[in-house]
Amino acid sequence: MHMVSIALAFTLAANDPNELADPHAWMFKQAAFDPLGWELERFPSPHEVDAELQSHLAHSKWLEVQSAFDPTLYIDWDEDMCERGVCWELLREAQNRHNWLETRIIALDELKVRIKRENYNLGRMPPSIPIWRFQARGPSDLELKLFHDTLAAFERGKGH
């Protein structure tokens, strides 16, 4: 017991005495763990979040360029992109250990509302870019019919 007292006295002497006025602040400053670490461990790492946000930004810039060609597309896609960006920004805010704990908790609560509880519990984030819009789907039956009809008409016209 005597060794514990000596270790405690040494630890307290090594720290700023003004910090002892708020033992909770002192405790969290000295802690080697993140108080929200258990909550955040299910989500992508801060490094992955930064990479997703960089991709999101690049795609948003591309989308702005496309708005000159198709303003309707821009309006539809921009709303979706904004929502995706907000989710990733909230996660980054919650992971930032330099933010106040209360700010981080509010960010997590807002994230839970936006991505829904099941996704939150599983740590599933929406893709930062709606990749499904760029996946090859092939032509629909109607598009194939129109193509074949156009091709047949062209071939008939060529023979005359």
C-alpha atoms as a PDB file:
ATOM      1  CA  MET A   1       0.000   0.000   0.000  1.00  0.00           C
ATOM      2  CA  HIS A   2       2.905   2.303   0.723  1.00  0.00           C
ATOM      3  CA  MET A   3       4.194   1.928  -2.885  1.00  0.00           C
ATOM      4  CA  VAL A   4       0.791   2.936  -4.289  1.00  0.00           C
ATOM      5  CA  SER A   5       0.823   6.115  -2.173  1.00  0.00           C
ATOM      6  CA  ILE A   6       4.304   6.994  -3.388  1.00  0.00           C
ATOM      7  CA  ALA A   7       3.341   6.367  -7.046  1.00  0.00           C
ATOM      8  CA  LEU A   8       0.208   8.493  -6.661  1.00  0.00           C
ATOM      9  CA  ALA A   9       2.140  11.309  -4.990  1.00  0.00           C
ATOM     10  CA  PHE A  10       4.770  11.216  -7.755  1.00  0.00           C
ATOM     11  CA  THR A  11       2.094  11.282 -10.465  1.00  0.00           C
ATOM     12  CA  LEU A  12       0.287  14.219  -8.875  1.00  0.00           C
ATOM     13  CA  ALA A  13       3.495  16.153  -8.347  1.00  0.00           C
ATOM     14  CA  ALA A  14       4.456  15.719 -11.992  1.00  0.00           C
ATOM     15  CA  ASN A  15       1.213  17.310 -13.203  1.00  0.00           C
ATOM     16  CA  ASP A  16       0.018  20.890 -13.134  1.00  0.00           C
ATOM     17  CA  PRO A  17      -1.710  21.483  -9.760  1.00  0.00           C
ATOM     18  CA  ASN A  18      -4.335  23.647 -11.491  1.00  0.00           C
ATOM     19  CA  GLU A  19      -5.571  20.545 -13.322  1.00  0.00           C
ATOM     20  CA  LEU A  20      -6.587  18.996 -10.006  1.00  0.00           C
ATOM     21  CA  ALA A  21      -9.467  21.481  -9.739  1.00  0.00           C
ATOM     22  CA  ASP A  22     -11.391  19.438 -12.331  1.00  0.00           C
ATOM     23  CA  PRO A  23     -10.587  15.772 -11.726  1.00  0.00           C
ATOM     24  CA  HIS A  24     -12.690  14.623 -14.703  1.00  0.00           C
ATOM     25  CA  ALA A  25     -10.745  16.815 -17.138  1.00  0.00           C
ATOM     26  CA  TRP A  26      -7.505  15.603 -15.616  1.00  0.00           C
ATOM     27  CA  MET A  27      -8.648  11.978 -15.852  1.00  0.00           C
ATOM     28  CA  PHE A  28      -9.548  12.233 -19.555  1.00  0.00           C
ATOM     29  CA  LYS A  29      -6.370  14.143 -20.356  1.00  0.00           C
ATOM     30  CA  GLN A  30      -4.302  11.411 -18.729  1.00  0.00           C
ATOM     31  CA  ALA A  31      -6.314   8.525 -20.143  1.00  0.00           C
ATOM     32  CA  ALA A  32      -4.620   6.440 -22.789  1.00  0.00           C
ATOM     33  CA  PHE A  33      -7.987   5.614 -24.354  1.00  0.00           C
ATOM     34  CA  ASP A  34     -10.634   7.479 -26.287  1.00  0.00           C
ATOM     35  CA  PRO A  35     -13.891   7.646 -24.298  1.00  0.00           C
ATOM     36  CA  LEU A  36     -15.802   7.035 -27.550  1.00  0.00           C
ATOM     37  CA  GLY A  37     -13.378   4.455 -28.906  1.00  0.00           C
ATOM     38  CA  TRP A  38     -15.713   1.551 -28.204  1.00  0.00           C
ATOM     39  CA  GLU A  39     -18.458   3.331 -30.139  1.00  0.00           C
ATOM     40  CA  LEU A  40     -16.272   4.336 -33.078  1.00  0.00           C
ATOM     41  CA  GLU A  41     -14.344   1.088 -33.565  1.00  0.00           C
ATOM     42  CA  ARG A  42     -17.129  -0.362 -35.747  1.00  0.00           C
ATOM     43  CA  PHE A  43     -16.734   2.436 -38.328  1.00  0.00           C
ATOM     44  CA  PRO A  44     -14.017   3.025 -40.943  1.00  0.00           C
ATOM     45  CA  SER A  45     -10.756   4.397 -39.551  1.00  0.00           C
ATOM     46  CA  PRO A  46     -10.032   8.150 -39.644  1.00  0.00           C
ATOM     47  CA  HIS A  47      -7.580   7.492 -42.511  1.00  0.00           C
ATOM     48  CA  GLU A  48     -10.332   5.739 -44.501  1.00  0.00           C
ATOM     49  CA  VAL A  49     -12.782   8.537 -43.697  1.00  0.00           C
ATOM     50  CA  ASP A  50     -10.347  11.128 -45.061  1.00  0.00           C
ATOM     51  CA  ALA A  51      -9.882   9.083 -48.256  1.00  0.00           C
ATOM     52  CA  GLU A  52     -13.677   8.784 -48.695  1.00  0.00           C
ATOM     53  CA  LEU A  53     -14.101  12.527 -48.196  1.00  0.00           C
ATOM     54  CA  GLN A  54     -11.373  13.256 -50.778  1.00  0.00           C
ATOM     55  CA  SER A  55     -13.152  10.988 -53.283  1.00  0.00           C
ATOM     56  CA  HIS A  56     -16.439  12.655 -52.430  1.00  0.00           C
ATOM     57  CA  LEU A  57     -14.966  16.105 -53.050  1.00  0.00           C
ATOM     58  CA  ALA A  58     -13.453  15.056 -56.391  1.00  0.00           C
ATOM     59  CA  HIS A  59     -16.768  13.568 -57.497  1.00  0.00           C
ATOM     60  CA  SER A  60     -18.645  16.705 -56.402  1.00  0.00           C
ATOM     61  CA  LYS A  61     -16.302  18.831 -58.530  1.00  0.00           C
ATOM     62  CA  TRP A  62     -16.866  16.513 -61.505  1.00  0.00           C
ATOM     63  CA  LEU A  63     -20.614  16.804 -60.942  1.00  0.00           C
ATOM     64  CA  GLU A  64     -20.400  20.608 -61.035  1.00  0.00           C
ATOM     65  CA  VAL A  65     -18.694  20.418 -64.438  1.00  0.00           C
ATOM     66  CA  GLN A  66     -21.444  18.087 -65.680  1.00  0.00           C
ATOM     67  CA  SER A  67     -24.101  20.607 -64.639  1.00  0.00           C
ATOM     68  CA  ALA A  68     -23.261  22.639 -67.738  1.00  0.00           C
ATOM     69  CA  PHE A  69     -24.375  19.708 -69.894  1.00  0.00           C
ATOM     70  CA  ASP A  70     -27.362  18.462 -67.898  1.00  0.00           C
ATOM     71  CA  PRO A  71     -28.653  20.774 -65.124  1.00  0.00           C
ATOM     72  CA  THR A  72     -31.439  18.331 -64.177  1.00  0.00           C
ATOM     73  CA  LEU A  73     -28.930  15.573 -63.560  1.00  0.00           C
ATOM     74  CA  TYR A  74     -26.895  17.925 -61.388  1.00  0.00           C
ATOM     75  CA  ILE A  75     -29.888  18.869 -59.233  1.00  0.00           C
ATOM     76  CA  ASP A  76     -30.903  15.233 -58.694  1.00  0.00           C
ATOM     77  CA  TRP A  77     -27.395  13.978 -58.004  1.00  0.00           C
ATOM     78  CA  ASP A  78     -26.248  16.971 -55.961  1.00  0.00           C
ATOM     79  CA  GLU A  79     -28.902  16.441 -53.284  1.00  0.00           C
ATOM     80  CA  ASP A  80     -27.842  12.814 -52.906  1.00  0.00           C
ATOM     81  CA  MET A  81     -24.175  13.796 -52.832  1.00  0.00           C
ATOM     82  CA  CYS A  82     -24.777  16.406 -50.134  1.00  0.00           C
ATOM     83  CA  GLU A  83     -26.442  13.838 -47.877  1.00  0.00           C
ATOM     84  CA  ARG A  84     -23.592  11.378 -48.376  1.00  0.00           C
ATOM     85  CA  GLY A  85     -21.025  14.074 -47.603  1.00  0.00           C
ATOM     86  CA  VAL A  86     -22.810  15.103 -44.420  1.00  0.00           C
ATOM     87  CA  CYS A  87     -22.702  11.516 -43.126  1.00  0.00           C
ATOM     88  CA  TRP A  88     -18.952  11.217 -43.713  1.00  0.00           C
ATOM     89  CA  GLU A  89     -18.324  14.686 -42.200  1.00  0.00           C
ATOM     90  CA  LEU A  90     -20.286  13.696 -39.078  1.00  0.00           C
ATOM     91  CA  LEU A  91     -18.172  10.580 -38.684  1.00  0.00           C
ATOM     92  CA  ARG A  92     -14.972  12.614 -39.080  1.00  0.00           C
ATOM     93  CA  GLU A  93     -16.225  15.094 -36.476  1.00  0.00           C
ATOM     94  CA  ALA A  94     -17.003  12.267 -34.055  1.00  0.00           C
ATOM     95  CA  GLN A  95     -13.562  10.705 -34.579  1.00  0.00           C
ATOM     96  CA  ASN A  96     -11.702  13.974 -34.007  1.00  0.00           C
ATOM     97  CA  ARG A  97     -10.297  13.684 -30.484  1.00  0.00           C
ATOM     98  CA  HIS A  98      -9.552  17.431 -30.471  1.00  0.00           C
ATOM     99  CA  ASN A  99     -13.286  18.205 -30.451  1.00  0.00           C
ATOM    100  CA  TRP A 100     -15.193  18.524 -27.208  1.00  0.00           C
ATOM    101  CA  LEU A 101     -16.654  15.217 -26.075  1.00  0.00           C
ATOM    102  CA  GLU A 102     -20.169  16.683 -26.214  1.00  0.00           C
ATOM    103  CA  THR A 103     -19.627  17.773 -29.851  1.00  0.00           C
ATOM    104  CA  ARG A 104     -18.473  14.276 -30.740  1.00  0.00           C
ATOM    105  CA  ILE A 105     -21.478  12.669 -29.064  1.00  0.00           C
ATOM    106  CA  ILE A 106     -23.877  15.012 -30.896  1.00  0.00           C
ATOM    107  CA  ALA A 107     -22.184  14.106 -34.206  1.00  0.00           C
ATOM    108  CA  LEU A 108     -22.657  10.387 -33.474  1.00  0.00           C
ATOM    109  CA  ASP A 109     -26.306  10.913 -32.553  1.00  0.00           C
ATOM    110  CA  GLU A 110     -26.924  12.813 -35.794  1.00  0.00           C
ATOM    111  CA  LEU A 111     -25.094  10.129 -37.779  1.00  0.00           C
ATOM    112  CA  LYS A 112     -27.308   7.460 -36.208  1.00  0.00           C
ATOM    113  CA  VAL A 113     -30.417   9.330 -37.394  1.00  0.00           C
ATOM    114  CA  ARG A 114     -29.094   9.840 -40.925  1.00  0.00           C
ATOM    115  CA  ILE A 115     -27.838   6.313 -41.647  1.00  0.00           C
ATOM    116  CA  LYS A 116     -30.505   4.527 -39.557  1.00  0.00           C
ATOM    117  CA  ARG A 117     -29.924   2.479 -36.433  1.00  0.00           C
ATOM    118  CA  GLU A 118     -29.176  -0.888 -38.119  1.00  0.00           C
ATOM    119  CA  ASN A 119     -26.435   0.579 -40.326  1.00  0.00           C
ATOM    120  CA  TYR A 120     -25.080   2.508 -37.347  1.00  0.00           C
ATOM    121  CA  ASN A 121     -24.923  -0.612 -35.180  1.00  0.00           C
ATOM    122  CA  LEU A 122     -23.060  -2.458 -37.936  1.00  0.00           C
ATOM    123  CA  GLY A 123     -20.770   0.503 -38.716  1.00  0.00           C
ATOM    124  CA  ARG A 124     -22.026   0.657 -42.321  1.00  0.00           C
ATOM    125  CA  MET A 125     -21.560   4.001 -43.998  1.00  0.00           C
ATOM    126  CA  PRO A 126     -23.158   4.973 -47.307  1.00  0.00           C
ATOM    127  CA  PRO A 127     -20.699   4.977 -50.193  1.00  0.00           C
ATOM    128  CA  SER A 128     -19.214   8.457 -50.527  1.00  0.00           C
ATOM    129  CA  ILE A 129     -19.849   8.222 -54.278  1.00  0.00           C
ATOM    130  CA  PRO A 130     -23.006   6.570 -55.668  1.00  0.00           C
ATOM    131  CA  ILE A 131     -21.027   3.913 -57.537  1.00  0.00           C
ATOM    132  CA  TRP A 132     -24.176   2.123 -58.636  1.00  0.00           C
ATOM    133  CA  ARG A 133     -24.839   4.971 -61.080  1.00  0.00           C
ATOM    134  CA  PHE A 134     -21.718   4.030 -63.019  1.00  0.00           C
ATOM    135  CA  GLN A 135     -22.081   0.257 -63.100  1.00  0.00           C
ATOM    136  CA  ALA A 136     -22.673  -1.294 -66.508  1.00  0.00           C
ATOM    137  CA  ARG A 137     -26.214  -2.503 -66.637  1.00  0.00           C
ATOM    138  CA  GLY A 138     -26.550  -3.190 -70.328  1.00  0.00           C
ATOM    139  CA  PRO A 139     -29.417  -1.960 -72.470  1.00  0.00           C
ATOM    140  CA  SER A 140     -33.028  -2.515 -71.424  1.00  0.00           C
ATOM    141  CA  ASP A 141     -35.372  -4.628 -73.561  1.00  0.00           C
ATOM    142  CA  LEU A 142     -36.926  -1.448 -74.970  1.00  0.00           C
ATOM    143  CA  GLU A 143     -33.507  -0.026 -75.875  1.00  0.00           C
ATOM    144  CA  LEU A 144     -32.568  -3.299 -77.591  1.00  0.00           C
ATOM    145  CA  LYS A 145     -35.821  -3.304 -79.579  1.00  0.00           C
ATOM    146  CA  LEU A 146     -35.273   0.306 -80.670  1.00  0.00           C
ATOM    147  CA  PHE A 147     -31.697  -0.512 -81.670  1.00  0.00           C
ATOM    148  CA  HIS A 148     -32.760  -3.539 -83.731  1.00  0.00           C
ATOM    149  CA  ASP A 149     -35.649  -1.633 -85.335  1.00  0.00           C
ATOM    150  CA  THR A 150     -33.317   1.232 -86.242  1.00  0.00           C
ATOM    151  CA  LEU A 151     -30.725  -1.178 -87.591  1.00  0.00           C
ATOM    152  CA  ALA A 152     -33.357  -3.050 -89.640  1.00  0.00           C
ATOM    153  CA  ALA A 153     -34.702   0.226 -91.071  1.00  0.00           C
ATOM    154  CA  PHE A 154     -31.159   1.291 -91.954  1.00  0.00           C
ATOM    155  CA  GLU A 155     -30.494  -2.035 -93.660  1.00  0.00           C
ATOM    156  CA  ARG A 156     -33.773  -1.804 -95.627  1.00  0.00           C
ATOM    157  CA  GLY A 157     -32.938   1.739 -96.739  1.00  0.00           C
ATOM    158  CA  LYS A 158     -29.476   0.716 -97.799  1.00  0.00           C
ATOM    159  CA  GLY A 159     -30.788  -1.926-100.168  1.00  0.00           C
ATOM    160  CA  HIS A 160     -32.917   0.522-102.181  1.00  0.00           C
END
